[in-house]
Protein backbone atom coordinates (compact mmCIF):
# COMPACT_ATOMS: atom_id res chain seq x y z
CA MET A 1 -9.70 36.73 -65.00
CA LYS A 2 -7.83 38.00 -62.20
CA ASN A 3 -10.56 39.36 -59.72
CA ILE A 4 -14.21 39.04 -61.31
CA PHE A 5 -15.63 41.43 -58.18
CA SER A 6 -13.15 44.59 -58.39
CA ASN A 7 -13.52 47.35 -60.49
CA ILE A 8 -9.98 47.94 -61.12
CA GLY A 9 -8.26 46.75 -64.35
CA ARG A 10 -9.32 46.04 -67.94
CA ALA A 11 -11.48 42.86 -69.82
CA THR A 12 -10.86 41.52 -72.95
CA ARG A 13 -13.91 40.26 -75.20
CA ARG A 14 -12.78 36.74 -73.95
CA GLU A 15 -13.06 37.83 -70.30
CA PHE A 16 -15.77 39.92 -71.20
CA TRP A 17 -17.81 36.73 -72.81
CA THR A 18 -16.02 34.21 -70.42
CA THR A 19 -17.93 36.42 -67.55
CA CYS A 20 -21.28 36.77 -69.05
CA LEU A 21 -21.44 32.77 -69.46
CA MET A 22 -20.65 32.28 -66.10
CA CYS A 23 -23.29 34.31 -65.10
CA VAL A 24 -25.62 32.74 -67.66
CA LEU A 25 -24.98 29.35 -66.38
CA PHE A 26 -25.04 30.41 -62.66
CA ILE A 27 -28.86 31.90 -62.66
CA SER A 28 -29.75 28.64 -64.86
CA ILE A 29 -28.56 26.56 -62.69
CA THR A 30 -29.75 27.96 -59.38
CA GLY A 31 -32.82 29.41 -60.27
CA PRO A 32 -34.49 26.12 -60.21
CA MET A 33 -33.13 25.17 -56.95
CA VAL A 34 -34.37 28.49 -55.40
CA ASP A 35 -38.07 28.19 -57.06
CA HIS A 36 -38.27 25.22 -55.07
CA MET A 37 -38.03 26.62 -51.84
CA SER A 38 -41.01 26.12 -49.43
CA ASN A 39 -39.99 29.15 -47.15
CA LEU A 40 -41.06 32.36 -49.47
CA THR A 41 -39.05 34.71 -46.85
CA LEU A 42 -36.14 32.99 -47.79
CA ARG A 43 -36.72 32.21 -51.26
CA ASP A 44 -37.09 35.90 -51.87
CA PHE A 45 -34.08 36.93 -50.20
CA SER A 46 -31.95 34.18 -51.99
CA ILE A 47 -33.41 35.40 -55.47
CA PHE A 48 -32.14 39.03 -54.68
CA GLY A 49 -29.12 37.72 -53.85
CA MET A 50 -28.49 36.19 -56.89
CA VAL A 51 -29.95 39.09 -59.18
CA PHE A 52 -27.45 41.94 -56.81
CA VAL A 53 -24.40 39.49 -57.14
CA THR A 54 -25.37 38.82 -60.62
CA CYS A 55 -25.74 42.68 -62.02
CA TRP A 56 -22.35 43.49 -59.77
CA ILE A 57 -20.47 41.12 -61.50
CA LEU A 58 -21.75 41.83 -64.75
CA GLY A 59 -21.59 46.02 -63.62
CA CYS A 60 -17.88 45.24 -62.53
CA VAL A 61 -16.75 43.45 -65.83
CA THR A 62 -18.64 46.02 -68.03
CA ARG A 63 -17.18 48.61 -66.52
CA LYS A 64 -13.44 47.00 -67.11
CA ARG A 65 -14.16 46.53 -70.72
CA CYS A 66 -15.19 50.20 -71.13
CA ARG A 67 -11.82 50.96 -69.49
CA ASP A 68 -10.14 48.56 -72.05
CA LEU A 69 -11.96 50.57 -75.00
CA GLY A 70 -10.99 53.72 -74.02
CA ILE A 71 -14.56 55.13 -73.15
CA SER A 72 -15.90 56.58 -70.11
CA SER A 73 -17.43 53.70 -67.35
CA TRP A 74 -20.96 55.66 -67.62
CA ARG A 75 -21.26 54.75 -71.05
CA GLN A 76 -22.34 51.58 -70.31
CA PHE A 77 -25.86 52.66 -69.72
CA ASP A 78 -25.87 54.73 -73.34
CA PRO A 79 -27.75 52.72 -75.71
CA ARG A 80 -25.63 53.52 -78.58
CA TYR A 81 -23.05 51.68 -76.92
CA VAL A 82 -24.09 48.61 -76.13
CA LEU A 83 -23.38 46.51 -79.32
CA ASP A 84 -19.75 48.49 -78.91
CA ILE A 85 -18.87 47.29 -75.86
CA PRO A 86 -18.74 43.34 -76.49
CA PHE A 87 -17.96 43.34 -79.75
CA LYS A 88 -15.36 46.39 -80.57
CA LYS A 89 -11.60 45.48 -80.39
CA GLY A 90 -10.18 46.94 -77.41
CA LYS A 91 -6.81 49.31 -77.01
CA ASP A 92 -3.34 47.80 -76.61
């Protein structure tokens, strides 16, 4: 994983799954901490920030994975390709 915040490059299956696992761990560890905040405005802002950053990272790695498969990045929104993106072997 060279740069998880960038849309440039390609992502192998290993990079894709590693990034997904890191995002799940990030949400599961920081989510309960944010839930116990007493200031509602700060809590809402923190939840929005966590969701935004996680969606950005997952979007970037999925676009890179689509590029590795040789398909358009717009296919990540197509339900028919949801299972192809994480499991299909990329092009050499």
